[in-house]
């Protein structure tokens, strides 16, 4: 197996480490997959589209954490909060997973 030596900048490594830390939960990854093509969505709609059953309070916790770390953005309309992906670079995680032969 051939390996390639890569030298990534500290800034890039820091960004990637932060993103991986924040999205390193199956529900959070599933939320990103849902929002990738259908955004903005409110908490109830996201919950309905999840394959994994999750209590709304737990989903809200995940969404709040992702927003606090810059993965998601939100706005309030009436009583609902709508979420979108703040930085679409995070979706490259799925490209990497698709091309990874270790998964």
PDB file of N, CA and C in Angstrom:
ATOM      1  N   UNK A   1       0.844  -1.175   0.000  1.00  0.00           N
ATOM      2  CA  UNK A   1       0.000   0.000   0.000  1.00  0.00           C
ATOM      3  C   UNK A   1       0.892   1.240   0.000  1.00  0.00           C
ATOM      4  N   UNK A   2       0.627   2.135  -0.924  1.00  0.00           N
ATOM      5  CA  UNK A   2       1.406   3.357  -1.048  1.00  0.00           C
ATOM      6  C   UNK A   2       0.802   4.446  -0.180  1.00  0.00           C
ATOM      7  N   UNK A   3       1.625   5.118   0.592  1.00  0.00           N
ATOM      8  CA  UNK A   3       1.150   6.233   1.406  1.00  0.00           C
ATOM      9  C   UNK A   3       1.762   7.520   0.884  1.00  0.00           C
ATOM     10  N   UNK A   4       1.006   8.582   0.978  1.00  0.00           N
ATOM     11  CA  UNK A   4       1.460   9.890   0.536  1.00  0.00           C
ATOM     12  C   UNK A   4       1.617  10.772   1.760  1.00  0.00           C
ATOM     13  N   UNK A   5       2.762  11.387   1.887  1.00  0.00           N
ATOM     14  CA  UNK A   5       3.006  12.300   2.994  1.00  0.00           C
ATOM     15  C   UNK A   5       2.338  13.629   2.688  1.00  0.00           C
ATOM     16  N   UNK A   6       1.475  14.061   3.603  1.00  0.00           N
ATOM     17  CA  UNK A   6       0.778  15.328   3.429  1.00  0.00           C
ATOM     18  C   UNK A   6       1.145  16.256   4.564  1.00  0.00           C
ATOM     19  N   UNK A   7       1.218  17.514   4.255  1.00  0.00           N
ATOM     20  CA  UNK A   7       1.467  18.529   5.271  1.00  0.00           C
ATOM     21  C   UNK A   7       0.337  19.536   5.179  1.00  0.00           C
ATOM     22  N   UNK A   8      -0.589  19.448   6.124  1.00  0.00           N
ATOM     23  CA  UNK A   8      -1.723  20.368   6.161  1.00  0.00           C
ATOM     24  C   UNK A   8      -1.412  21.496   7.130  1.00  0.00           C
ATOM     25  N   UNK A   9      -1.949  22.657   6.845  1.00  0.00           N
ATOM     26  CA  UNK A   9      -1.719  23.802   7.729  1.00  0.00           C
ATOM     27  C   UNK A   9      -2.398  23.561   9.075  1.00  0.00           C
ATOM     28  N   UNK A  10      -1.877  24.216  10.093  1.00  0.00           N
ATOM     29  CA  UNK A  10      -2.458  24.100  11.425  1.00  0.00           C
ATOM     30  C   UNK A  10      -3.903  24.589  11.425  1.00  0.00           C
ATOM     31  N   UNK A  11      -4.177  25.649  10.664  1.00  0.00           N
ATOM     32  CA  UNK A  11      -5.539  26.185  10.593  1.00  0.00           C
ATOM     33  C   UNK A  11      -6.499  25.156  10.016  1.00  0.00           C
ATOM     34  N   UNK A  12      -6.063  24.486   8.952  1.00  0.00           N
ATOM     35  CA  UNK A  12      -6.914  23.472   8.327  1.00  0.00           C
ATOM     36  C   UNK A  12      -7.110  22.283   9.271  1.00  0.00           C
ATOM     37  N   UNK A  13      -6.060  21.853   9.905  1.00  0.00           N
ATOM     38  CA  UNK A  13      -6.163  20.747  10.859  1.00  0.00           C
ATOM     39  C   UNK A  13      -7.089  21.107  12.013  1.00  0.00           C
ATOM     40  N   UNK A  14      -7.003  22.335  12.491  1.00  0.00           N
ATOM     41  CA  UNK A  14      -7.867  22.792  13.585  1.00  0.00           C
ATOM     42  C   UNK A  14      -9.321  22.807  13.162  1.00  0.00           C
ATOM     43  N   UNK A  15      -9.591  23.319  11.965  1.00  0.00           N
ATOM     44  CA  UNK A  15     -10.961  23.362  11.462  1.00  0.00           C
ATOM     45  C   UNK A  15     -11.522  21.949  11.331  1.00  0.00           C
ATOM     46  N   UNK A  16     -10.762  21.057  10.723  1.00  0.00           N
ATOM     47  CA  UNK A  16     -11.208  19.684  10.537  1.00  0.00           C
ATOM     48  C   UNK A  16     -11.440  19.002  11.885  1.00  0.00           C
ATOM     49  N   UNK A  17     -10.520  19.180  12.824  1.00  0.00           N
ATOM     50  CA  UNK A  17     -10.666  18.562  14.148  1.00  0.00           C
ATOM     51  C   UNK A  17     -11.938  19.057  14.832  1.00  0.00           C
ATOM     52  N   UNK A  18     -12.210  20.357  14.743  1.00  0.00           N
ATOM     53  CA  UNK A  18     -13.419  20.916  15.350  1.00  0.00           C
ATOM     54  C   UNK A  18     -14.672  20.342  14.701  1.00  0.00           C
ATOM     55  N   UNK A  19     -14.706  20.304  13.376  1.00  0.00           N
ATOM     56  CA  UNK A  19     -15.869  19.776  12.675  1.00  0.00           C
ATOM     57  C   UNK A  19     -16.104  18.301  13.013  1.00  0.00           C
ATOM     58  N   UNK A  20     -15.029  17.526  13.009  1.00  0.00           N
ATOM     59  CA  UNK A  20     -15.168  16.099  13.322  1.00  0.00           C
ATOM     60  C   UNK A  20     -15.659  15.893  14.743  1.00  0.00           C
ATOM     61  N   UNK A  21     -15.176  16.693  15.663  1.00  0.00           N
ATOM     62  CA  UNK A  21     -15.593  16.584  17.058  1.00  0.00           C
ATOM     63  C   UNK A  21     -17.080  16.898  17.188  1.00  0.00           C
ATOM     64  N   UNK A  22     -17.524  17.928  16.503  1.00  0.00           N
ATOM     65  CA  UNK A  22     -18.915  18.362  16.619  1.00  0.00           C
ATOM     66  C   UNK A  22     -19.877  17.387  15.944  1.00  0.00           C
ATOM     67  N   UNK A  23     -19.522  16.840  14.816  1.00  0.00           N
ATOM     68  CA  UNK A  23     -20.452  15.975  14.075  1.00  0.00           C
ATOM     69  C   UNK A  23     -20.260  14.491  14.367  1.00  0.00           C
ATOM     70  N   UNK A  24     -19.407  14.170  15.318  1.00  0.00           N
ATOM     71  CA  UNK A  24     -19.088  12.761  15.577  1.00  0.00           C
ATOM     72  C   UNK A  24     -20.185  12.047  16.377  1.00  0.00           C
ATOM     73  N   UNK A  25     -21.388  12.108  15.848  1.00  0.00           N
ATOM     74  CA  UNK A  25     -22.522  11.386  16.415  1.00  0.00           C
ATOM     75  C   UNK A  25     -23.427  11.009  15.241  1.00  0.00           C
ATOM     76  N   UNK A  26     -23.939   9.784  15.216  1.00  0.00           N
ATOM     77  CA  UNK A  26     -24.760   9.365  14.073  1.00  0.00           C
ATOM     78  C   UNK A  26     -25.965  10.267  13.811  1.00  0.00           C
ATOM     79  N   UNK A  27     -26.614  10.758  14.846  1.00  0.00           N
ATOM     80  CA  UNK A  27     -27.772  11.630  14.653  1.00  0.00           C
ATOM     81  C   UNK A  27     -27.338  12.941  14.002  1.00  0.00           C
ATOM     82  N   UNK A  28     -26.219  13.487  14.417  1.00  0.00           N
ATOM     83  CA  UNK A  28     -25.737  14.750  13.837  1.00  0.00           C
ATOM     84  C   UNK A  28     -25.368  14.566  12.373  1.00  0.00           C
ATOM     85  N   UNK A  29     -24.743  13.451  12.055  1.00  0.00           N
ATOM     86  CA  UNK A  29     -24.417  13.170  10.653  1.00  0.00           C
ATOM     87  C   UNK A  29     -25.691  13.003   9.833  1.00  0.00           C
ATOM     88  N   UNK A  30     -26.685  12.344  10.405  1.00  0.00           N
ATOM     89  CA  UNK A  30     -27.949  12.167   9.707  1.00  0.00           C
ATOM     90  C   UNK A  30     -28.649  13.511   9.487  1.00  0.00           C
ATOM     91  N   UNK A  31     -28.582  14.399  10.464  1.00  0.00           N
ATOM     92  CA  UNK A  31     -29.149  15.744  10.322  1.00  0.00           C
ATOM     93  C   UNK A  31     -28.479  16.465   9.150  1.00  0.00           C
ATOM     94  N   UNK A  32     -27.173  16.367   9.057  1.00  0.00           N
ATOM     95  CA  UNK A  32     -26.464  17.005   7.940  1.00  0.00           C
ATOM     96  C   UNK A  32     -26.911  16.436   6.602  1.00  0.00           C
ATOM     97  N   UNK A  33     -27.096  15.128   6.547  1.00  0.00           N
ATOM     98  CA  UNK A  33     -27.558  14.509   5.301  1.00  0.00           C
ATOM     99  C   UNK A  33     -28.937  15.032   4.913  1.00  0.00           C
ATOM    100  N   UNK A  34     -29.807  15.188   5.892  1.00  0.00           N
ATOM    101  CA  UNK A  34     -31.153  15.700   5.625  1.00  0.00           C
ATOM    102  C   UNK A  34     -31.088  17.149   5.150  1.00  0.00           C
ATOM    103  N   UNK A  35     -30.326  17.972   5.857  1.00  0.00           N
ATOM    104  CA  UNK A  35     -30.248  19.393   5.517  1.00  0.00           C
ATOM    105  C   UNK A  35     -29.482  19.657   4.229  1.00  0.00           C
ATOM    106  N   UNK A  36     -28.674  18.703   3.807  1.00  0.00           N
ATOM    107  CA  UNK A  36     -27.878  18.902   2.593  1.00  0.00           C
ATOM    108  C   UNK A  36     -28.752  19.253   1.391  1.00  0.00           C
ATOM    109  N   UNK A  37     -29.915  18.630   1.292  1.00  0.00           N
ATOM    110  CA  UNK A  37     -30.767  18.861   0.127  1.00  0.00           C
ATOM    111  C   UNK A  37     -32.082  19.554   0.463  1.00  0.00           C
ATOM    112  N   UNK A  38     -32.416  19.615   1.745  1.00  0.00           N
ATOM    113  CA  UNK A  38     -33.709  20.197   2.138  1.00  0.00           C
ATOM    114  C   UNK A  38     -33.490  21.158   3.289  1.00  0.00           C
ATOM    115  N   UNK A  39     -33.176  22.393   2.982  1.00  0.00           N
ATOM    116  CA  UNK A  39     -33.002  23.366   4.053  1.00  0.00           C
ATOM    117  C   UNK A  39     -33.644  24.677   3.661  1.00  0.00           C
ATOM    118  N   UNK A  40     -34.050  25.479   4.593  1.00  0.00           N
ATOM    119  CA  UNK A  40     -34.040  25.268   6.041  1.00  0.00           C
ATOM    120  C   UNK A  40     -35.212  24.386   6.484  1.00  0.00           C
ATOM    121  N   UNK A  41     -35.019  23.707   7.589  1.00  0.00           N
ATOM    122  CA  UNK A  41     -36.061  22.860   8.175  1.00  0.00           C
ATOM    123  C   UNK A  41     -36.178  23.142   9.656  1.00  0.00           C
ATOM    124  N   UNK A  42     -37.394  22.983  10.176  1.00  0.00           N
ATOM    125  CA  UNK A  42     -37.593  23.149  11.613  1.00  0.00           C
ATOM    126  C   UNK A  42     -37.338  21.826  12.332  1.00  0.00           C
ATOM    127  N   UNK A  43     -37.267  21.893  13.643  1.00  0.00           N
ATOM    128  CA  UNK A  43     -36.921  20.725  14.461  1.00  0.00           C
ATOM    129  C   UNK A  43     -37.887  19.572  14.216  1.00  0.00           C
ATOM    130  N   UNK A  44     -39.177  19.861  14.171  1.00  0.00           N
ATOM    131  CA  UNK A  44     -40.172  18.792  13.985  1.00  0.00           C
ATOM    132  C   UNK A  44     -39.995  18.086  12.645  1.00  0.00           C
ATOM    133  N   UNK A  45     -39.755  18.850  11.602  1.00  0.00           N
ATOM    134  CA  UNK A  45     -39.570  18.263  10.271  1.00  0.00           C
ATOM    135  C   UNK A  45     -38.301  17.428  10.221  1.00  0.00           C
ATOM    136  N   UNK A  46     -37.226  17.933  10.811  1.00  0.00           N
ATOM    137  CA  UNK A  46     -35.979  17.163  10.859  1.00  0.00           C
ATOM    138  C   UNK A  46     -36.228  15.848  11.593  1.00  0.00           C
ATOM    139  N   UNK A  47     -36.898  15.928  12.729  1.00  0.00           N
ATOM    140  CA  UNK A  47     -37.176  14.732  13.538  1.00  0.00           C
ATOM    141  C   UNK A  47     -37.985  13.713  12.745  1.00  0.00           C
ATOM    142  N   UNK A  48     -38.981  14.155  11.999  1.00  0.00           N
ATOM    143  CA  UNK A  48     -39.806  13.255  11.189  1.00  0.00           C
ATOM    144  C   UNK A  48     -38.981  12.546  10.118  1.00  0.00           C
ATOM    145  N   UNK A  49     -37.949  13.202   9.609  1.00  0.00           N
ATOM    146  CA  UNK A  49     -37.153  12.637   8.516  1.00  0.00           C
ATOM    147  C   UNK A  49     -36.001  11.766   8.989  1.00  0.00           C
ATOM    148  N   UNK A  50     -35.710  11.791  10.282  1.00  0.00           N
ATOM    149  CA  UNK A  50     -34.641  10.947  10.818  1.00  0.00           C
ATOM    150  C   UNK A  50     -35.037   9.476  10.767  1.00  0.00           C
ATOM    151  N   UNK A  51     -34.119   8.632  10.365  1.00  0.00           N
ATOM    152  CA  UNK A  51     -34.359   7.188  10.414  1.00  0.00           C
ATOM    153  C   UNK A  51     -34.240   6.676  11.840  1.00  0.00           C
ATOM    154  N   UNK A  52     -33.413   7.335  12.630  1.00  0.00           N
ATOM    155  CA  UNK A  52     -33.195   6.969  14.023  1.00  0.00           C
ATOM    156  C   UNK A  52     -34.221   7.693  14.883  1.00  0.00           C
ATOM    157  N   UNK A  53     -35.016   6.960  15.682  1.00  0.00           N
ATOM    158  CA  UNK A  53     -35.965   7.651  16.562  1.00  0.00           C
ATOM    159  C   UNK A  53     -35.228   8.423  17.663  1.00  0.00           C
ATOM    160  N   UNK A  54     -35.538   9.717  17.776  1.00  0.00           N
ATOM    161  CA  UNK A  54     -34.875  10.592  18.738  1.00  0.00           C
ATOM    162  C   UNK A  54     -35.939  11.480  19.371  1.00  0.00           C
ATOM    163  N   UNK A  55     -35.851  11.634  20.679  1.00  0.00           N
ATOM    164  CA  UNK A  55     -36.742  12.564  21.361  1.00  0.00           C
ATOM    165  C   UNK A  55     -36.464  13.979  20.861  1.00  0.00           C
ATOM    166  N   UNK A  56     -37.495  14.805  20.784  1.00  0.00           N
ATOM    167  CA  UNK A  56     -37.319  16.161  20.281  1.00  0.00           C
ATOM    168  C   UNK A  56     -36.346  16.958  21.146  1.00  0.00           C
ATOM    169  N   UNK A  57     -36.368  16.729  22.457  1.00  0.00           N
ATOM    170  CA  UNK A  57     -35.443  17.462  23.335  1.00  0.00           C
ATOM    171  C   UNK A  57     -33.991  17.083  23.043  1.00  0.00           C
ATOM    172  N   UNK A  58     -33.746  15.808  22.747  1.00  0.00           N
ATOM    173  CA  UNK A  58     -32.381  15.370  22.427  1.00  0.00           C
ATOM    174  C   UNK A  58     -31.953  15.912  21.070  1.00  0.00           C
ATOM    175  N   UNK A  59     -32.861  15.920  20.111  1.00  0.00           N
ATOM    176  CA  UNK A  59     -32.550  16.488  18.803  1.00  0.00           C
ATOM    177  C   UNK A  59     -32.233  17.973  18.943  1.00  0.00           C
ATOM    178  N   UNK A  60     -33.005  18.687  19.747  1.00  0.00           N
ATOM    179  CA  UNK A  60     -32.737  20.109  19.978  1.00  0.00           C
ATOM    180  C   UNK A  60     -31.357  20.314  20.582  1.00  0.00           C
ATOM    181  N   UNK A  61     -30.960  19.425  21.480  1.00  0.00           N
ATOM    182  CA  UNK A  61     -29.619  19.493  22.073  1.00  0.00           C
ATOM    183  C   UNK A  61     -28.553  19.350  20.984  1.00  0.00           C
ATOM    184  N   UNK A  62     -28.714  18.368  20.099  1.00  0.00           N
ATOM    185  CA  UNK A  62     -27.755  18.164  19.006  1.00  0.00           C
ATOM    186  C   UNK A  62     -27.694  19.394  18.105  1.00  0.00           C
ATOM    187  N   UNK A  63     -28.855  19.928  17.751  1.00  0.00           N
ATOM    188  CA  UNK A  63     -28.900  21.092  16.870  1.00  0.00           C
ATOM    189  C   UNK A  63     -28.246  22.306  17.516  1.00  0.00           C
ATOM    190  N   UNK A  64     -28.499  22.501  18.801  1.00  0.00           N
ATOM    191  CA  UNK A  64     -27.902  23.627  19.528  1.00  0.00           C
ATOM    192  C   UNK A  64     -26.382  23.517  19.554  1.00  0.00           C
ATOM    193  N   UNK A  65     -25.882  22.319  19.797  1.00  0.00           N
ATOM    194  CA  UNK A  65     -24.426  22.125  19.822  1.00  0.00           C
ATOM    195  C   UNK A  65     -23.815  22.395  18.450  1.00  0.00           C
ATOM    196  N   UNK A  66     -24.467  21.894  17.409  1.00  0.00           N
ATOM    197  CA  UNK A  66     -23.955  22.103  16.061  1.00  0.00           C
ATOM    198  C   UNK A  66     -23.981  23.593  15.689  1.00  0.00           C
ATOM    199  N   UNK A  67     -25.001  24.297  16.138  1.00  0.00           N
ATOM    200  CA  UNK A  67     -25.074  25.729  15.865  1.00  0.00           C
ATOM    201  C   UNK A  67     -23.987  26.479  16.639  1.00  0.00           C
ATOM    202  N   UNK A  68     -23.796  26.127  17.887  1.00  0.00           N
ATOM    203  CA  UNK A  68     -22.794  26.797  18.732  1.00  0.00           C
ATOM    204  C   UNK A  68     -21.387  26.660  18.170  1.00  0.00           C
ATOM    205  N   UNK A  69     -21.128  25.593  17.426  1.00  0.00           N
ATOM    206  CA  UNK A  69     -19.795  25.357  16.867  1.00  0.00           C
ATOM    207  C   UNK A  69     -19.697  25.730  15.386  1.00  0.00           C
ATOM    208  N   UNK A  70     -20.706  26.435  14.882  1.00  0.00           N
ATOM    209  CA  UNK A  70     -20.622  26.958  13.520  1.00  0.00           C
ATOM    210  C   UNK A  70     -20.960  25.995  12.416  1.00  0.00           C
ATOM    211  N   UNK A  71     -21.520  24.841  12.757  1.00  0.00           N
ATOM    212  CA  UNK A  71     -21.900  23.870  11.725  1.00  0.00           C
ATOM    213  C   UNK A  71     -23.261  24.250  11.136  1.00  0.00           C
ATOM    214  N   UNK A  72     -24.160  24.701  11.991  1.00  0.00           N
ATOM    215  CA  UNK A  72     -25.498  25.097  11.554  1.00  0.00           C
ATOM    216  C   UNK A  72     -25.746  26.561  11.849  1.00  0.00           C
ATOM    217  N   UNK A  73     -26.710  27.105  11.160  1.00  0.00           N
ATOM    218  CA  UNK A  73     -27.227  28.429  11.431  1.00  0.00           C
ATOM    219  C   UNK A  73     -28.733  28.291  11.582  1.00  0.00           C
ATOM    220  N   UNK A  74     -29.372  29.262  12.204  1.00  0.00           N
ATOM    221  CA  UNK A  74     -30.818  29.156  12.394  1.00  0.00           C
ATOM    222  C   UNK A  74     -31.468  30.528  12.399  1.00  0.00           C
ATOM    223  N   UNK A  75     -32.768  30.511  12.197  1.00  0.00           N
ATOM    224  CA  UNK A  75     -33.570  31.716  12.368  1.00  0.00           C
ATOM    225  C   UNK A  75     -34.922  31.299  12.909  1.00  0.00           C
ATOM    226  N   UNK A  76     -35.547  32.210  13.612  1.00  0.00           N
ATOM    227  CA  UNK A  76     -36.842  31.932  14.223  1.00  0.00           C
ATOM    228  C   UNK A  76     -37.946  32.579  13.398  1.00  0.00           C
ATOM    229  N   UNK A  77     -38.994  31.798  13.138  1.00  0.00           N
ATOM    230  CA  UNK A  77     -40.177  32.292  12.432  1.00  0.00           C
ATOM    231  C   UNK A  77     -41.390  31.821  13.221  1.00  0.00           C
ATOM    232  N   UNK A  78     -42.034  32.747  13.878  1.00  0.00           N
ATOM    233  CA  UNK A  78     -43.139  32.373  14.760  1.00  0.00           C
ATOM    234  C   UNK A  78     -42.596  31.588  15.943  1.00  0.00           C
ATOM    235  N   UNK A  79     -43.169  30.431  16.178  1.00  0.00           N
ATOM    236  CA  UNK A  79     -42.720  29.585  17.282  1.00  0.00           C
ATOM    237  C   UNK A  79     -41.645  28.586  16.854  1.00  0.00           C
ATOM    238  N   UNK A  80     -41.372  28.525  15.566  1.00  0.00           N
ATOM    239  CA  UNK A  80     -40.435  27.521  15.047  1.00  0.00           C
ATOM    240  C   UNK A  80     -39.054  28.105  14.796  1.00  0.00           C
ATOM    241  N   UNK A  81     -38.048  27.249  14.981  1.00  0.00           N
ATOM    242  CA  UNK A  81     -36.668  27.598  14.641  1.00  0.00           C
ATOM    243  C   UNK A  81     -36.277  26.745  13.438  1.00  0.00           C
ATOM    244  N   UNK A  82     -35.767  27.403  12.408  1.00  0.00           N
ATOM    245  CA  UNK A  82     -35.377  26.724  11.172  1.00  0.00           C
ATOM    246  C   UNK A  82     -33.859  26.658  11.088  1.00  0.00           C
ATOM    247  N   UNK A  83     -33.354  25.475  10.729  1.00  0.00           N
ATOM    248  CA  UNK A  83     -31.914  25.233  10.687  1.00  0.00           C
ATOM    249  C   UNK A  83     -31.441  25.023   9.254  1.00  0.00           C
ATOM    250  N   UNK A  84     -30.230  25.504   8.998  1.00  0.00           N
ATOM    251  CA  UNK A  84     -29.530  25.322   7.726  1.00  0.00           C
ATOM    252  C   UNK A  84     -28.067  25.038   8.026  1.00  0.00           C
ATOM    253  N   UNK A  85     -27.371  24.543   7.033  1.00  0.00           N
ATOM    254  CA  UNK A  85     -25.938  24.291   7.169  1.00  0.00           C
ATOM    255  C   UNK A  85     -25.212  25.629   7.006  1.00  0.00           C
ATOM    256  N   UNK A  86     -24.391  25.973   7.969  1.00  0.00           N
ATOM    257  CA  UNK A  86     -23.684  27.257   7.969  1.00  0.00           C
ATOM    258  C   UNK A  86     -22.475  27.237   7.041  1.00  0.00           C
ATOM    259  N   UNK A  87     -21.768  26.143   7.034  1.00  0.00           N
ATOM    260  CA  UNK A  87     -20.547  26.038   6.238  1.00  0.00           C
ATOM    261  C   UNK A  87     -20.593  24.701   5.509  1.00  0.00           C
ATOM    262  N   UNK A  88     -20.894  24.762   4.238  1.00  0.00           N
ATOM    263  CA  UNK A  88     -21.126  23.534   3.467  1.00  0.00           C
ATOM    264  C   UNK A  88     -19.863  22.691   3.279  1.00  0.00           C
ATOM    265  N   UNK A  89     -18.712  23.218   3.654  1.00  0.00           N
ATOM    266  CA  UNK A  89     -17.484  22.406   3.579  1.00  0.00           C
ATOM    267  C   UNK A  89     -17.594  21.167   4.455  1.00  0.00           C
ATOM    268  N   UNK A  90     -18.402  21.244   5.508  1.00  0.00           N
ATOM    269  CA  UNK A  90     -18.554  20.104   6.407  1.00  0.00           C
ATOM    270  C   UNK A  90     -19.131  18.899   5.659  1.00  0.00           C
ATOM    271  N   UNK A  91     -19.836  19.129   4.571  1.00  0.00           N
ATOM    272  CA  UNK A  91     -20.419  18.028   3.803  1.00  0.00           C
ATOM    273  C   UNK A  91     -19.363  17.190   3.094  1.00  0.00           C
ATOM    274  N   UNK A  92     -18.161  17.707   2.967  1.00  0.00           N
ATOM    275  CA  UNK A  92     -17.077  16.935   2.349  1.00  0.00           C
ATOM    276  C   UNK A  92     -16.747  15.684   3.167  1.00  0.00           C
ATOM    277  N   UNK A  93     -17.170  15.683   4.431  1.00  0.00           N
ATOM    278  CA  UNK A  93     -16.991  14.491   5.267  1.00  0.00           C
ATOM    279  C   UNK A  93     -17.634  13.287   4.587  1.00  0.00           C
ATOM    280  N   UNK A  94     -18.801  13.484   3.992  1.00  0.00           N
ATOM    281  CA  UNK A  94     -19.500  12.382   3.335  1.00  0.00           C
ATOM    282  C   UNK A  94     -18.746  11.903   2.099  1.00  0.00           C
ATOM    283  N   UNK A  95     -18.136  12.829   1.356  1.00  0.00           N
ATOM    284  CA  UNK A  95     -17.299  12.438   0.216  1.00  0.00           C
ATOM    285  C   UNK A  95     -16.148  11.567   0.673  1.00  0.00           C
ATOM    286  N   UNK A  96     -15.520  11.981   1.779  1.00  0.00           N
ATOM    287  CA  UNK A  96     -14.401  11.210   2.314  1.00  0.00           C
ATOM    288  C   UNK A  96     -14.842   9.821   2.765  1.00  0.00           C
ATOM    289  N   UNK A  97     -15.989   9.757   3.432  1.00  0.00           N
ATOM    290  CA  UNK A  97     -16.503   8.457   3.874  1.00  0.00           C
ATOM    291  C   UNK A  97     -16.849   7.562   2.707  1.00  0.00           C
ATOM    292  N   UNK A  98     -17.445   8.146   1.670  1.00  0.00           N
ATOM    293  CA  UNK A  98     -17.786   7.361   0.470  1.00  0.00           C
ATOM    294  C   UNK A  98     -16.558   6.781  -0.216  1.00  0.00           C
ATOM    295  N   UNK A  99     -15.470   7.530  -0.225  1.00  0.00           N
ATOM    296  CA  UNK A  99     -14.265   7.064  -0.919  1.00  0.00           C
ATOM    297  C   UNK A  99     -13.327   6.255  -0.033  1.00  0.00           C
ATOM    298  N   UNK A 100     -13.639   6.162   1.239  1.00  0.00           N
ATOM    299  CA  UNK A 100     -12.760   5.459   2.177  1.00  0.00           C
ATOM    300  C   UNK A 100     -13.021   3.955   2.130  1.00  0.00           C
ATOM    301  N   UNK A 101     -11.983   3.185   1.894  1.00  0.00           N
ATOM    302  CA  UNK A 101     -12.160   1.737   1.851  1.00  0.00           C
ATOM    303  C   UNK A 101     -12.094   1.087   3.238  1.00  0.00           C
ATOM    304  N   UNK A 102     -11.873   1.895   4.265  1.00  0.00           N
ATOM    305  CA  UNK A 102     -11.818   1.371   5.642  1.00  0.00           C
ATOM    306  C   UNK A 102     -13.208   1.339   6.281  1.00  0.00           C
ATOM    307  N   UNK A 103     -14.199   1.958   5.645  1.00  0.00           N
ATOM    308  CA  UNK A 103     -15.552   2.009   6.214  1.00  0.00           C
ATOM    309  C   UNK A 103     -16.428   1.005   5.526  1.00  0.00           C
TER     310      UNK A 103
END
